[in-house]
Protein backbone atom coordinates (compact mmCIF):
# COMPACT_ATOMS: atom_id res chain seq x y z
CA UNK A 1 138.30 -13.41 -6.73
CA UNK A 2 136.61 -10.74 -8.84
CA UNK A 3 139.17 -8.16 -7.70
CA UNK A 4 142.07 -10.44 -8.64
CA UNK A 5 140.64 -11.15 -12.09
CA UNK A 6 139.82 -7.48 -12.67
CA UNK A 7 143.35 -6.50 -11.63
CA UNK A 8 144.85 -9.15 -13.90
CA UNK A 9 142.70 -7.97 -16.81
CA UNK A 10 143.70 -4.34 -16.29
CA UNK A 11 147.38 -5.15 -15.77
CA UNK A 12 147.50 -7.25 -18.94
CA UNK A 13 145.60 -4.58 -20.89
CA UNK A 14 148.14 -1.99 -19.75
CA UNK A 15 150.90 -4.39 -20.76
CA UNK A 16 149.39 -4.62 -24.25
CA UNK A 17 149.36 -0.85 -24.62
CA UNK A 18 152.65 0.02 -22.92
CA UNK A 19 154.90 -2.83 -24.05
CA UNK A 20 157.61 -1.80 -26.50
CA UNK A 21 157.79 -5.28 -28.02
CA UNK A 22 154.90 -6.34 -30.26
CA UNK A 23 155.27 -10.02 -29.35
CA UNK A 24 155.11 -9.15 -25.65
CA UNK A 25 151.95 -7.15 -26.34
CA UNK A 26 150.37 -10.22 -27.95
CA UNK A 27 151.30 -12.33 -24.92
CA UNK A 28 149.83 -9.75 -22.56
CA UNK A 29 146.67 -9.89 -24.68
CA UNK A 30 146.46 -13.64 -24.12
CA UNK A 31 146.79 -13.02 -20.38
CA UNK A 32 143.85 -10.64 -20.57
CA UNK A 33 141.86 -13.29 -22.44
CA UNK A 34 142.69 -15.80 -19.68
CA UNK A 35 141.39 -13.39 -17.06
CA UNK A 36 138.12 -13.07 -18.99
CA UNK A 37 137.91 -16.88 -18.99
CA UNK A 38 138.32 -16.67 -15.22
CA UNK A 39 135.31 -14.33 -15.10
CA UNK A 40 133.27 -16.97 -16.91
CA UNK A 41 134.33 -19.59 -14.34
CA UNK A 42 133.33 -17.25 -11.49
CA UNK A 43 129.94 -16.76 -13.17
CA UNK A 44 129.45 -20.53 -13.24
CA UNK A 45 129.87 -21.02 -16.98
CA UNK A 46 132.84 -23.35 -17.43
CA UNK A 47 131.86 -24.15 -21.02
CA UNK A 48 132.13 -20.48 -22.00
CA UNK A 49 135.45 -20.34 -20.16
CA UNK A 50 136.68 -23.31 -22.18
CA UNK A 51 135.54 -21.66 -25.41
CA UNK A 52 137.29 -18.45 -24.37
CA UNK A 53 140.54 -20.33 -23.80
CA UNK A 54 140.27 -22.39 -26.98
CA UNK A 55 139.16 -19.66 -29.34
CA UNK A 56 140.78 -16.50 -28.00
CA UNK A 57 143.81 -17.66 -26.04
CA UNK A 58 144.51 -20.51 -28.40
CA UNK A 59 143.42 -19.60 -31.90
CA UNK A 60 143.28 -15.80 -32.02
CA UNK A 61 146.53 -15.27 -30.13
CA UNK A 62 148.32 -17.81 -32.34
CA UNK A 63 146.96 -16.16 -35.50
CA UNK A 64 148.11 -12.75 -34.25
CA UNK A 65 151.56 -14.11 -33.37
CA UNK A 66 151.80 -15.71 -36.82
CA UNK A 67 150.83 -12.40 -38.38
CA UNK A 68 153.48 -10.57 -36.38
CA UNK A 69 156.19 -13.08 -37.25
CA UNK A 70 155.35 -13.26 -40.94
CA UNK A 71 154.92 -9.56 -41.57
CA UNK A 72 157.78 -8.09 -39.60
CA UNK A 73 160.36 -6.58 -41.89
CA UNK A 74 163.86 -5.56 -40.89
CA UNK A 75 163.76 -2.64 -38.48
CA UNK A 76 163.01 0.32 -40.72
CA UNK A 77 162.05 2.45 -37.76
CA UNK A 78 161.85 1.56 -34.14
CA UNK A 79 158.54 0.67 -32.55
CA UNK A 80 159.40 2.85 -29.57
CA UNK A 81 159.37 6.01 -31.72
CA UNK A 82 155.94 5.10 -33.03
CA UNK A 83 154.70 4.37 -29.53
CA UNK A 84 156.07 7.60 -28.07
CA UNK A 85 153.96 9.59 -30.51
CA UNK A 86 150.79 7.70 -29.70
CA UNK A 87 151.13 7.15 -25.97
CA UNK A 88 149.81 10.61 -25.05
CA UNK A 89 146.76 10.26 -27.27
CA UNK A 90 146.10 6.81 -25.83
CA UNK A 91 146.42 8.07 -22.27
CA UNK A 92 144.06 10.95 -23.03
CA UNK A 93 141.43 8.60 -24.47
CA UNK A 94 141.85 6.15 -21.57
CA UNK A 95 141.43 8.92 -19.00
CA UNK A 96 138.36 10.24 -20.82
CA UNK A 97 136.69 6.82 -20.97
CA UNK A 98 137.65 6.12 -17.35
CA UNK A 99 136.23 9.45 -16.23
CA UNK A 100 133.01 8.83 -18.13
CA UNK A 101 132.65 5.38 -16.58
CA UNK A 102 133.31 6.81 -13.12
CA UNK A 103 130.59 9.42 -13.58
CA UNK A 104 128.11 6.78 -14.76
CA UNK A 105 128.96 4.41 -11.89
CA UNK A 106 128.60 7.12 -9.25
CA UNK A 107 125.53 8.86 -10.68
CA UNK A 108 123.42 5.77 -11.37
CA UNK A 109 121.34 4.10 -8.66
CA UNK A 110 122.06 0.44 -9.31
CA UNK A 111 119.98 -1.15 -6.55
CA UNK A 112 119.56 -4.86 -7.13
CA UNK A 113 120.69 -5.41 -10.68
CA UNK A 114 119.49 -9.01 -10.88
CA UNK A 115 117.61 -9.90 -7.70
CA UNK A 116 117.26 -13.63 -7.21
CA UNK A 117 118.55 -14.58 -10.65
CA UNK A 118 122.02 -15.65 -9.67
CA UNK A 119 123.88 -17.18 -12.55
CA UNK A 120 121.14 -19.43 -13.94
CA UNK A 121 120.94 -17.57 -17.25
CA UNK A 122 124.68 -17.88 -17.87
CA UNK A 123 124.66 -21.59 -17.02
CA UNK A 124 121.67 -22.20 -19.29
CA UNK A 125 123.39 -20.33 -22.12
CA UNK A 126 126.63 -22.28 -21.73
CA UNK A 127 124.76 -25.60 -21.66
CA UNK A 128 122.79 -24.52 -24.72
CA UNK A 129 125.99 -23.93 -26.68
CA UNK A 130 126.85 -27.61 -26.57
CA UNK A 131 123.42 -28.75 -27.66
CA UNK A 132 122.21 -29.93 -24.25
CA UNK A 133 119.06 -27.82 -24.60
CA UNK A 134 116.65 -28.90 -27.35
CA UNK A 135 117.24 -27.10 -30.63
CA UNK A 136 120.58 -25.63 -29.58
CA UNK A 137 122.80 -28.01 -31.56
CA UNK A 138 123.27 -25.42 -34.33
CA UNK A 139 125.77 -23.58 -32.13
CA UNK A 140 128.20 -26.50 -32.28
CA UNK A 141 128.06 -26.36 -36.08
CA UNK A 142 128.65 -22.59 -36.01
CA UNK A 143 131.60 -23.10 -33.66
CA UNK A 144 133.12 -25.61 -36.06
CA UNK A 145 132.60 -23.25 -39.00
CA UNK A 146 134.36 -20.47 -37.07
CA UNK A 147 137.26 -22.83 -36.33
CA UNK A 148 137.62 -23.74 -40.02
CA UNK A 149 137.50 -20.04 -40.98
CA UNK A 150 140.31 -19.29 -38.52
CA UNK A 151 142.36 -22.12 -40.00
CA UNK A 152 141.78 -20.84 -43.54
CA UNK A 153 142.73 -17.31 -42.46
CA UNK A 154 145.96 -18.58 -40.89
CA UNK A 155 146.91 -20.54 -44.02
CA UNK A 156 146.08 -17.53 -46.21
CA UNK A 157 148.28 -15.29 -44.03
CA UNK A 158 151.16 -17.72 -44.43
CA UNK A 159 150.75 -17.93 -48.21
CA UNK A 160 150.39 -14.17 -48.66
CA UNK A 161 153.33 -13.28 -46.46
CA UNK A 162 155.72 -15.85 -47.89
CA UNK A 163 158.51 -14.11 -49.77
CA UNK A 164 159.31 -15.10 -53.29
CA UNK A 165 162.96 -15.53 -54.29
CA UNK A 166 164.58 -12.16 -54.94
CA UNK A 167 162.01 -10.16 -52.97
CA UNK A 168 162.80 -8.26 -49.84
CA UNK A 169 166.33 -7.24 -50.72
CA UNK A 170 167.09 -3.94 -49.12
CA UNK A 171 169.47 -1.19 -50.09
CA UNK A 172 172.80 -1.88 -48.49
CA UNK A 173 175.77 0.45 -48.78
CA UNK A 174 178.21 -2.44 -49.22
CA UNK A 175 176.59 -3.63 -52.48
CA UNK A 176 177.25 -2.29 -55.93
CA UNK A 177 174.91 -2.88 -58.80
CA UNK A 178 171.26 -2.36 -59.65
CA UNK A 179 170.04 -2.51 -56.05
CA UNK A 180 173.02 -1.12 -54.17
CA UNK A 181 173.52 2.47 -53.13
CA UNK A 182 176.46 2.91 -55.49
CA UNK A 183 174.37 2.09 -58.55
CA UNK A 184 173.36 4.42 -61.36
CA UNK A 185 169.73 4.40 -60.20
CA UNK A 186 170.62 6.01 -56.92
CA UNK A 187 172.35 8.87 -58.70
CA UNK A 188 176.01 8.16 -57.95
């Protein structure tokens, strides 16, 4: 199960980086978040998995998709030309980090990382988030505050990105006048 989730996480992460469509990248990102939620389930922390799905897959992905949809302007330049310039730098950084991780994994003697612990700490933490443990109820309040902040950020993004009448008109060759190419301001 770990191998499947790790493969899904890596495949979705590669999809985020290599996709030519920004919306597809955001959807690949939500797939990666789902795989991380699967890791929490494997660790025996279903509450953390539920929070991962609600906060990251639900809220953060929706906020990012809203941001993409509200801020995209008409195609001034293609995303693929931007990506082609950055793909080599990204591959170089990914290979460097992967090589460094490989050296650390091979060189270190891991032994028993957590002998006899199992997943008790993760389960205790996930139960503590919901206030089951004494004195842990503050986390529910913090979770609600974070949810309200995400809602306020989404509403602010909508208000800021909303176009006012007359804004966003581009230069079109078929128009004459103050904003067209054939106008006096453009020098013709």
